[in-house]
mmCIF file of all heavy atoms, coordinates in Angstrom:
data_MODEL
# 
_entry.id   MODEL 
# 
loop_
_atom_site.group_PDB 
_atom_site.id 
_atom_site.type_symbol 
_atom_site.label_atom_id 
_atom_site.label_alt_id 
_atom_site.label_comp_id 
_atom_site.label_asym_id 
_atom_site.label_entity_id 
_atom_site.label_seq_id 
_atom_site.pdbx_PDB_ins_code 
_atom_site.Cartn_x 
_atom_site.Cartn_y 
_atom_site.Cartn_z 
_atom_site.occupancy 
_atom_site.B_iso_or_equiv 
_atom_site.pdbx_formal_charge 
_atom_site.auth_seq_id 
_atom_site.auth_comp_id 
_atom_site.auth_asym_id 
_atom_site.auth_atom_id 
_atom_site.pdbx_PDB_model_num 
ATOM 1   N N   . ILE A 1 1  ? 94.659  111.933 89.135 1.00 0.00 ? 1  ILE A N   1 
ATOM 2   C CA  . ILE A 1 1  ? 93.261  112.075 88.909 1.00 0.00 ? 1  ILE A CA  1 
ATOM 3   C C   . ILE A 1 1  ? 92.888  113.243 90.003 1.00 0.00 ? 1  ILE A C   1 
ATOM 4   O O   . ILE A 1 1  ? 93.154  113.078 91.143 1.00 0.00 ? 1  ILE A O   1 
ATOM 5   C CB  . ILE A 1 1  ? 92.497  110.857 89.239 1.00 0.00 ? 1  ILE A CB  1 
ATOM 6   C CG1 . ILE A 1 1  ? 93.021  109.668 88.294 1.00 0.00 ? 1  ILE A CG1 1 
ATOM 7   C CG2 . ILE A 1 1  ? 90.929  111.102 89.134 1.00 0.00 ? 1  ILE A CG2 1 
ATOM 8   C CD1 . ILE A 1 1  ? 92.604  108.298 88.747 1.00 0.00 ? 1  ILE A CD1 1 
ATOM 9   N N   . HIS A 1 2  ? 92.131  114.264 89.483 1.00 0.00 ? 2  HIS A N   1 
ATOM 10  C CA  . HIS A 1 2  ? 91.715  115.361 90.355 1.00 0.00 ? 2  HIS A CA  1 
ATOM 11  C C   . HIS A 1 2  ? 90.179  115.305 90.356 1.00 0.00 ? 2  HIS A C   1 
ATOM 12  O O   . HIS A 1 2  ? 89.521  115.306 89.366 1.00 0.00 ? 2  HIS A O   1 
ATOM 13  C CB  . HIS A 1 2  ? 92.274  116.634 89.898 1.00 0.00 ? 2  HIS A CB  1 
ATOM 14  C CG  . HIS A 1 2  ? 93.740  116.746 89.820 1.00 0.00 ? 2  HIS A CG  1 
ATOM 15  N ND1 . HIS A 1 2  ? 94.520  117.111 90.892 1.00 0.00 ? 2  HIS A ND1 1 
ATOM 16  C CD2 . HIS A 1 2  ? 94.604  116.426 88.892 1.00 0.00 ? 2  HIS A CD2 1 
ATOM 17  C CE1 . HIS A 1 2  ? 95.763  117.026 90.605 1.00 0.00 ? 2  HIS A CE1 1 
ATOM 18  N NE2 . HIS A 1 2  ? 95.894  116.602 89.357 1.00 0.00 ? 2  HIS A NE2 1 
ATOM 19  N N   . ASP A 1 3  ? 89.547  115.518 91.555 1.00 0.00 ? 3  ASP A N   1 
ATOM 20  C CA  . ASP A 1 3  ? 88.132  115.800 91.556 1.00 0.00 ? 3  ASP A CA  1 
ATOM 21  C C   . ASP A 1 3  ? 87.916  117.221 92.130 1.00 0.00 ? 3  ASP A C   1 
ATOM 22  O O   . ASP A 1 3  ? 88.018  117.545 93.269 1.00 0.00 ? 3  ASP A O   1 
ATOM 23  C CB  . ASP A 1 3  ? 87.498  114.774 92.527 1.00 0.00 ? 3  ASP A CB  1 
ATOM 24  C CG  . ASP A 1 3  ? 85.998  114.953 92.729 1.00 0.00 ? 3  ASP A CG  1 
ATOM 25  O OD1 . ASP A 1 3  ? 85.360  115.751 91.880 1.00 0.00 ? 3  ASP A OD1 1 
ATOM 26  O OD2 . ASP A 1 3  ? 85.432  114.343 93.707 1.00 0.00 ? 3  ASP A OD2 1 
ATOM 27  N N   . GLY A 1 4  ? 87.652  118.100 91.200 1.00 0.00 ? 4  GLY A N   1 
ATOM 28  C CA  . GLY A 1 4  ? 87.651  119.551 91.594 1.00 0.00 ? 4  GLY A CA  1 
ATOM 29  C C   . GLY A 1 4  ? 88.990  120.001 92.048 1.00 0.00 ? 4  GLY A C   1 
ATOM 30  O O   . GLY A 1 4  ? 89.990  119.594 91.593 1.00 0.00 ? 4  GLY A O   1 
ATOM 31  N N   . LYS A 1 5  ? 88.970  120.728 93.201 1.00 0.00 ? 5  LYS A N   1 
ATOM 32  C CA  . LYS A 1 5  ? 90.282  121.272 93.690 1.00 0.00 ? 5  LYS A CA  1 
ATOM 33  C C   . LYS A 1 5  ? 90.664  120.515 94.966 1.00 0.00 ? 5  LYS A C   1 
ATOM 34  O O   . LYS A 1 5  ? 91.809  120.588 95.383 1.00 0.00 ? 5  LYS A O   1 
ATOM 35  C CB  . LYS A 1 5  ? 90.052  122.771 94.078 1.00 0.00 ? 5  LYS A CB  1 
ATOM 36  C CG  . LYS A 1 5  ? 89.958  123.585 92.800 1.00 0.00 ? 5  LYS A CG  1 
ATOM 37  C CD  . LYS A 1 5  ? 89.837  125.045 93.189 1.00 0.00 ? 5  LYS A CD  1 
ATOM 38  C CE  . LYS A 1 5  ? 89.627  125.898 91.991 1.00 0.00 ? 5  LYS A CE  1 
ATOM 39  N NZ  . LYS A 1 5  ? 89.537  127.364 92.354 1.00 0.00 ? 5  LYS A NZ  1 
ATOM 40  N N   . ALA A 1 6  ? 89.735  119.680 95.594 1.00 0.00 ? 6  ALA A N   1 
ATOM 41  C CA  . ALA A 1 6  ? 89.973  119.186 96.927 1.00 0.00 ? 6  ALA A CA  1 
ATOM 42  C C   . ALA A 1 6  ? 90.640  117.883 96.921 1.00 0.00 ? 6  ALA A C   1 
ATOM 43  O O   . ALA A 1 6  ? 91.337  117.554 97.867 1.00 0.00 ? 6  ALA A O   1 
ATOM 44  C CB  . ALA A 1 6  ? 88.726  119.231 97.757 1.00 0.00 ? 6  ALA A CB  1 
ATOM 45  N N   . GLU A 1 7  ? 90.332  117.012 95.979 1.00 0.00 ? 7  GLU A N   1 
ATOM 46  C CA  . GLU A 1 7  ? 90.759  115.641 96.063 1.00 0.00 ? 7  GLU A CA  1 
ATOM 47  C C   . GLU A 1 7  ? 91.676  115.289 94.884 1.00 0.00 ? 7  GLU A C   1 
ATOM 48  O O   . GLU A 1 7  ? 91.470  115.698 93.757 1.00 0.00 ? 7  GLU A O   1 
ATOM 49  C CB  . GLU A 1 7  ? 89.461  114.720 96.032 1.00 0.00 ? 7  GLU A CB  1 
ATOM 50  C CG  . GLU A 1 7  ? 89.793  113.331 96.234 1.00 0.00 ? 7  GLU A CG  1 
ATOM 51  C CD  . GLU A 1 7  ? 88.462  112.447 96.321 1.00 0.00 ? 7  GLU A CD  1 
ATOM 52  O OE1 . GLU A 1 7  ? 87.449  112.969 96.246 1.00 0.00 ? 7  GLU A OE1 1 
ATOM 53  O OE2 . GLU A 1 7  ? 88.658  111.254 96.389 1.00 0.00 ? 7  GLU A OE2 1 
ATOM 54  N N   . GLU A 1 8  ? 92.697  114.527 95.253 1.00 0.00 ? 8  GLU A N   1 
ATOM 55  C CA  . GLU A 1 8  ? 93.700  114.062 94.202 1.00 0.00 ? 8  GLU A CA  1 
ATOM 56  C C   . GLU A 1 8  ? 93.976  112.606 94.432 1.00 0.00 ? 8  GLU A C   1 
ATOM 57  O O   . GLU A 1 8  ? 94.305  112.211 95.649 1.00 0.00 ? 8  GLU A O   1 
ATOM 58  C CB  . GLU A 1 8  ? 94.916  114.880 94.181 1.00 0.00 ? 8  GLU A CB  1 
ATOM 59  C CG  . GLU A 1 8  ? 95.844  114.523 93.162 1.00 0.00 ? 8  GLU A CG  1 
ATOM 60  C CD  . GLU A 1 8  ? 97.163  115.429 93.198 1.00 0.00 ? 8  GLU A CD  1 
ATOM 61  O OE1 . GLU A 1 8  ? 97.777  115.507 94.202 1.00 0.00 ? 8  GLU A OE1 1 
ATOM 62  O OE2 . GLU A 1 8  ? 97.389  115.931 92.039 1.00 0.00 ? 8  GLU A OE2 1 
ATOM 63  N N   . ILE A 1 9  ? 94.047  111.750 93.494 1.00 0.00 ? 9  ILE A N   1 
ATOM 64  C CA  . ILE A 1 9  ? 94.390  110.414 93.599 1.00 0.00 ? 9  ILE A CA  1 
ATOM 65  C C   . ILE A 1 9  ? 95.666  110.113 92.673 1.00 0.00 ? 9  ILE A C   1 
ATOM 66  O O   . ILE A 1 9  ? 95.684  110.648 91.563 1.00 0.00 ? 9  ILE A O   1 
ATOM 67  C CB  . ILE A 1 9  ? 93.207  109.460 93.065 1.00 0.00 ? 9  ILE A CB  1 
ATOM 68  C CG1 . ILE A 1 9  ? 91.964  109.733 93.955 1.00 0.00 ? 9  ILE A CG1 1 
ATOM 69  C CG2 . ILE A 1 9  ? 93.667  107.980 93.218 1.00 0.00 ? 9  ILE A CG2 1 
ATOM 70  C CD1 . ILE A 1 9  ? 90.784  109.082 93.366 1.00 0.00 ? 9  ILE A CD1 1 
ATOM 71  N N   . HIS A 1 10 ? 96.601  109.275 93.250 1.00 0.00 ? 10 HIS A N   1 
ATOM 72  C CA  . HIS A 1 10 ? 97.816  108.976 92.379 1.00 0.00 ? 10 HIS A CA  1 
ATOM 73  C C   . HIS A 1 10 ? 97.724  107.423 92.169 1.00 0.00 ? 10 HIS A C   1 
ATOM 74  O O   . HIS A 1 10 ? 97.622  106.727 93.232 1.00 0.00 ? 10 HIS A O   1 
ATOM 75  C CB  . HIS A 1 10 ? 99.054  109.382 93.151 1.00 0.00 ? 10 HIS A CB  1 
ATOM 76  C CG  . HIS A 1 10 ? 99.195  110.730 93.389 1.00 0.00 ? 10 HIS A CG  1 
ATOM 77  N ND1 . HIS A 1 10 ? 99.985  111.603 92.661 1.00 0.00 ? 10 HIS A ND1 1 
ATOM 78  C CD2 . HIS A 1 10 ? 98.657  111.618 94.274 1.00 0.00 ? 10 HIS A CD2 1 
ATOM 79  C CE1 . HIS A 1 10 ? 99.896  112.780 93.098 1.00 0.00 ? 10 HIS A CE1 1 
ATOM 80  N NE2 . HIS A 1 10 ? 99.080  112.837 94.069 1.00 0.00 ? 10 HIS A NE2 1 
ATOM 81  N N   . LEU A 1 11 ? 97.866  106.978 90.973 1.00 0.00 ? 11 LEU A N   1 
ATOM 82  C CA  . LEU A 1 11 ? 97.951  105.600 90.657 1.00 0.00 ? 11 LEU A CA  1 
ATOM 83  C C   . LEU A 1 11 ? 99.162  105.294 89.937 1.00 0.00 ? 11 LEU A C   1 
ATOM 84  O O   . LEU A 1 11 ? 99.601  106.082 88.996 1.00 0.00 ? 11 LEU A O   1 
ATOM 85  C CB  . LEU A 1 11 ? 96.839  105.138 89.828 1.00 0.00 ? 11 LEU A CB  1 
ATOM 86  C CG  . LEU A 1 11 ? 95.478  104.978 90.433 1.00 0.00 ? 11 LEU A CG  1 
ATOM 87  C CD1 . LEU A 1 11 ? 94.353  104.771 89.355 1.00 0.00 ? 11 LEU A CD1 1 
ATOM 88  C CD2 . LEU A 1 11 ? 95.441  103.874 91.409 1.00 0.00 ? 11 LEU A CD2 1 
ATOM 89  N N   . ASP A 1 12 ? 99.945  104.246 90.355 1.00 0.00 ? 12 ASP A N   1 
ATOM 90  C CA  . ASP A 1 12 ? 101.152 103.788 89.573 1.00 0.00 ? 12 ASP A CA  1 
ATOM 91  C C   . ASP A 1 12 ? 100.988 102.348 89.316 1.00 0.00 ? 12 ASP A C   1 
ATOM 92  O O   . ASP A 1 12 ? 100.668 101.524 90.219 1.00 0.00 ? 12 ASP A O   1 
ATOM 93  C CB  . ASP A 1 12 ? 102.334 103.957 90.514 1.00 0.00 ? 12 ASP A CB  1 
ATOM 94  C CG  . ASP A 1 12 ? 102.607 105.426 90.872 1.00 0.00 ? 12 ASP A CG  1 
ATOM 95  O OD1 . ASP A 1 12 ? 102.551 106.285 89.899 1.00 0.00 ? 12 ASP A OD1 1 
ATOM 96  O OD2 . ASP A 1 12 ? 102.821 105.708 91.980 1.00 0.00 ? 12 ASP A OD2 1 
ATOM 97  N N   . ALA A 1 13 ? 101.189 101.985 88.013 1.00 0.00 ? 13 ALA A N   1 
ATOM 98  C CA  . ALA A 1 13 ? 100.950 100.555 87.617 1.00 0.00 ? 13 ALA A CA  1 
ATOM 99  C C   . ALA A 1 13 ? 102.376 100.197 86.964 1.00 0.00 ? 13 ALA A C   1 
ATOM 100 O O   . ALA A 1 13 ? 102.753 100.664 85.923 1.00 0.00 ? 13 ALA A O   1 
ATOM 101 C CB  . ALA A 1 13 ? 99.926  100.337 86.598 1.00 0.00 ? 13 ALA A CB  1 
ATOM 102 N N   . TYR A 1 14 ? 103.074 99.284  87.681 1.00 0.00 ? 14 TYR A N   1 
ATOM 103 C CA  . TYR A 1 14 ? 104.396 98.784  87.200 1.00 0.00 ? 14 TYR A CA  1 
ATOM 104 C C   . TYR A 1 14 ? 104.292 97.383  86.903 1.00 0.00 ? 14 TYR A C   1 
ATOM 105 O O   . TYR A 1 14 ? 104.398 96.540  87.895 1.00 0.00 ? 14 TYR A O   1 
ATOM 106 C CB  . TYR A 1 14 ? 105.455 99.112  88.158 1.00 0.00 ? 14 TYR A CB  1 
ATOM 107 C CG  . TYR A 1 14 ? 105.700 100.591 88.438 1.00 0.00 ? 14 TYR A CG  1 
ATOM 108 C CD1 . TYR A 1 14 ? 105.242 101.269 89.695 1.00 0.00 ? 14 TYR A CD1 1 
ATOM 109 C CD2 . TYR A 1 14 ? 106.466 101.356 87.548 1.00 0.00 ? 14 TYR A CD2 1 
ATOM 110 C CE1 . TYR A 1 14 ? 105.441 102.486 89.806 1.00 0.00 ? 14 TYR A CE1 1 
ATOM 111 C CE2 . TYR A 1 14 ? 106.604 102.695 87.751 1.00 0.00 ? 14 TYR A CE2 1 
ATOM 112 C CZ  . TYR A 1 14 ? 106.128 103.221 88.850 1.00 0.00 ? 14 TYR A CZ  1 
ATOM 113 O OH  . TYR A 1 14 ? 106.318 104.609 89.087 1.00 0.00 ? 14 TYR A OH  1 
ATOM 114 N N   . GLY A 1 15 ? 103.913 96.886  85.752 1.00 0.00 ? 15 GLY A N   1 
ATOM 115 C CA  . GLY A 1 15 ? 103.805 95.518  85.367 1.00 0.00 ? 15 GLY A CA  1 
ATOM 116 C C   . GLY A 1 15 ? 102.666 94.802  85.794 1.00 0.00 ? 15 GLY A C   1 
ATOM 117 O O   . GLY A 1 15 ? 102.306 93.716  85.425 1.00 0.00 ? 15 GLY A O   1 
ATOM 118 N N   . GLU A 1 16 ? 101.623 95.513  86.490 1.00 0.00 ? 16 GLU A N   1 
ATOM 119 C CA  . GLU A 1 16 ? 100.425 94.980  86.843 1.00 0.00 ? 16 GLU A CA  1 
ATOM 120 C C   . GLU A 1 16 ? 99.364  95.962  87.113 1.00 0.00 ? 16 GLU A C   1 
ATOM 121 O O   . GLU A 1 16 ? 99.642  97.220  87.279 1.00 0.00 ? 16 GLU A O   1 
ATOM 122 C CB  . GLU A 1 16 ? 100.530 94.042  88.152 1.00 0.00 ? 16 GLU A CB  1 
ATOM 123 C CG  . GLU A 1 16 ? 100.901 94.725  89.350 1.00 0.00 ? 16 GLU A CG  1 
ATOM 124 C CD  . GLU A 1 16 ? 101.146 93.731  90.546 1.00 0.00 ? 16 GLU A CD  1 
ATOM 125 O OE1 . GLU A 1 16 ? 101.957 92.942  90.388 1.00 0.00 ? 16 GLU A OE1 1 
ATOM 126 O OE2 . GLU A 1 16 ? 100.318 93.887  91.506 1.00 0.00 ? 16 GLU A OE2 1 
ATOM 127 N N   . THR A 1 17 ? 98.096  95.672  87.031 1.00 0.00 ? 17 THR A N   1 
ATOM 128 C CA  . THR A 1 17 ? 96.999  96.681  87.083 1.00 0.00 ? 17 THR A CA  1 
ATOM 129 C C   . THR A 1 17 ? 96.833  97.130  88.514 1.00 0.00 ? 17 THR A C   1 
ATOM 130 O O   . THR A 1 17 ? 96.985  96.291  89.477 1.00 0.00 ? 17 THR A O   1 
ATOM 131 C CB  . THR A 1 17 ? 95.741  95.978  86.559 1.00 0.00 ? 17 THR A CB  1 
ATOM 132 O OG1 . THR A 1 17 ? 95.949  95.664  85.143 1.00 0.00 ? 17 THR A OG1 1 
ATOM 133 C CG2 . THR A 1 17 ? 94.580  96.913  86.629 1.00 0.00 ? 17 THR A CG2 1 
ATOM 134 N N   . ARG A 1 18 ? 96.532  98.347  88.749 1.00 0.00 ? 18 ARG A N   1 
ATOM 135 C CA  . ARG A 1 18 ? 96.232  98.984  90.007 1.00 0.00 ? 18 ARG A CA  1 
ATOM 136 C C   . ARG A 1 18 ? 94.887  99.588  90.163 1.00 0.00 ? 18 ARG A C   1 
ATOM 137 O O   . ARG A 1 18 ? 94.439  100.183 89.163 1.00 0.00 ? 18 ARG A O   1 
ATOM 138 C CB  . ARG A 1 18 ? 97.315  100.009 90.361 1.00 0.00 ? 18 ARG A CB  1 
ATOM 139 C CG  . ARG A 1 18 ? 98.741  99.490  90.481 1.00 0.00 ? 18 ARG A CG  1 
ATOM 140 C CD  . ARG A 1 18 ? 98.834  98.732  91.754 1.00 0.00 ? 18 ARG A CD  1 
ATOM 141 N NE  . ARG A 1 18 ? 100.218 98.303  91.920 1.00 0.00 ? 18 ARG A NE  1 
ATOM 142 C CZ  . ARG A 1 18 ? 100.615 97.107  92.436 1.00 0.00 ? 18 ARG A CZ  1 
ATOM 143 N NH1 . ARG A 1 18 ? 99.678  96.349  92.916 1.00 0.00 ? 18 ARG A NH1 1 
ATOM 144 N NH2 . ARG A 1 18 ? 101.881 96.781  92.449 1.00 0.00 ? 18 ARG A NH2 1 
ATOM 145 N N   . ASP A 1 19 ? 94.286  99.413  91.378 1.00 0.00 ? 19 ASP A N   1 
ATOM 146 C CA  . ASP A 1 19 ? 93.017  100.053 91.555 1.00 0.00 ? 19 ASP A CA  1 
ATOM 147 C C   . ASP A 1 19 ? 93.066  101.030 92.693 1.00 0.00 ? 19 ASP A C   1 
ATOM 148 O O   . ASP A 1 19 ? 93.899  100.830 93.675 1.00 0.00 ? 19 ASP A O   1 
ATOM 149 C CB  . ASP A 1 19 ? 91.908  98.979  92.084 1.00 0.00 ? 19 ASP A CB  1 
ATOM 150 C CG  . ASP A 1 19 ? 91.613  97.957  90.874 1.00 0.00 ? 19 ASP A CG  1 
ATOM 151 O OD1 . ASP A 1 19 ? 91.727  98.429  89.761 1.00 0.00 ? 19 ASP A OD1 1 
ATOM 152 O OD2 . ASP A 1 19 ? 91.362  96.784  91.218 1.00 0.00 ? 19 ASP A OD2 1 
ATOM 153 N N   . ALA A 1 20 ? 92.263  102.012 92.775 1.00 0.00 ? 20 ALA A N   1 
ATOM 154 C CA  . ALA A 1 20 ? 92.228  102.973 93.879 1.00 0.00 ? 20 ALA A CA  1 
ATOM 155 C C   . ALA A 1 20 ? 90.706  103.478 93.866 1.00 0.00 ? 20 ALA A C   1 
ATOM 156 O O   . ALA A 1 20 ? 90.081  103.731 92.871 1.00 0.00 ? 20 ALA A O   1 
ATOM 157 C CB  . ALA A 1 20 ? 93.125  104.078 93.727 1.00 0.00 ? 20 ALA A CB  1 
ATOM 158 N N   . THR A 1 21 ? 90.170  103.746 95.017 1.00 0.00 ? 21 THR A N   1 
ATOM 159 C CA  . THR A 1 21 ? 88.882  104.237 95.292 1.00 0.00 ? 21 THR A CA  1 
ATOM 160 C C   . THR A 1 21 ? 88.950  105.721 95.727 1.00 0.00 ? 21 THR A C   1 
ATOM 161 O O   . THR A 1 21 ? 89.679  105.970 96.744 1.00 0.00 ? 21 THR A O   1 
ATOM 162 C CB  . THR A 1 21 ? 88.045  103.284 96.219 1.00 0.00 ? 21 THR A CB  1 
ATOM 163 O OG1 . THR A 1 21 ? 88.101  102.040 95.694 1.00 0.00 ? 21 THR A OG1 1 
ATOM 164 C CG2 . THR A 1 21 ? 86.642  103.879 96.336 1.00 0.00 ? 21 THR A CG2 1 
ATOM 165 N N   . SER A 1 22 ? 88.239  106.596 95.133 1.00 0.00 ? 22 SER A N   1 
ATOM 166 C CA  . SER A 1 22 ? 88.168  107.852 95.720 1.00 0.00 ? 22 SER A CA  1 
ATOM 167 C C   . SER A 1 22 ? 87.164  108.076 96.794 1.00 0.00 ? 22 SER A C   1 
ATOM 168 O O   . SER A 1 22 ? 86.253  107.140 96.984 1.00 0.00 ? 22 SER A O   1 
ATOM 169 C CB  . SER A 1 22 ? 87.783  108.834 94.537 1.00 0.00 ? 22 SER A CB  1 
ATOM 170 O OG  . SER A 1 22 ? 86.413  108.823 94.179 1.00 0.00 ? 22 SER A OG  1 
ATOM 171 N N   . ALA A 1 23 ? 87.086  109.200 97.419 1.00 0.00 ? 23 ALA A N   1 
ATOM 172 C CA  . ALA A 1 23 ? 86.190  109.437 98.552 1.00 0.00 ? 23 ALA A CA  1 
ATOM 173 C C   . ALA A 1 23 ? 84.778  109.452 98.007 1.00 0.00 ? 23 ALA A C   1 
ATOM 174 O O   . ALA A 1 23 ? 83.881  109.204 98.792 1.00 0.00 ? 23 ALA A O   1 
ATOM 175 C CB  . ALA A 1 23 ? 86.476  110.722 99.232 1.00 0.00 ? 23 ALA A CB  1 
ATOM 176 N N   . SER A 1 24 ? 84.562  109.694 96.738 1.00 0.00 ? 24 SER A N   1 
ATOM 177 C CA  . SER A 1 24 ? 83.139  109.719 96.207 1.00 0.00 ? 24 SER A CA  1 
ATOM 178 C C   . SER A 1 24 ? 82.624  108.473 95.745 1.00 0.00 ? 24 SER A C   1 
ATOM 179 O O   . SER A 1 24 ? 81.521  108.299 95.205 1.00 0.00 ? 24 SER A O   1 
ATOM 180 C CB  . SER A 1 24 ? 83.038  110.762 95.079 1.00 0.00 ? 24 SER A CB  1 
ATOM 181 O OG  . SER A 1 24 ? 83.884  110.394 93.978 1.00 0.00 ? 24 SER A OG  1 
# 
């Protein structure tokens, strides 16, 4: 997931759901 050019988030879900929060 990319927010413009500055921020990038990587999520990996292997057999279960994963959450991540961005800086915004």
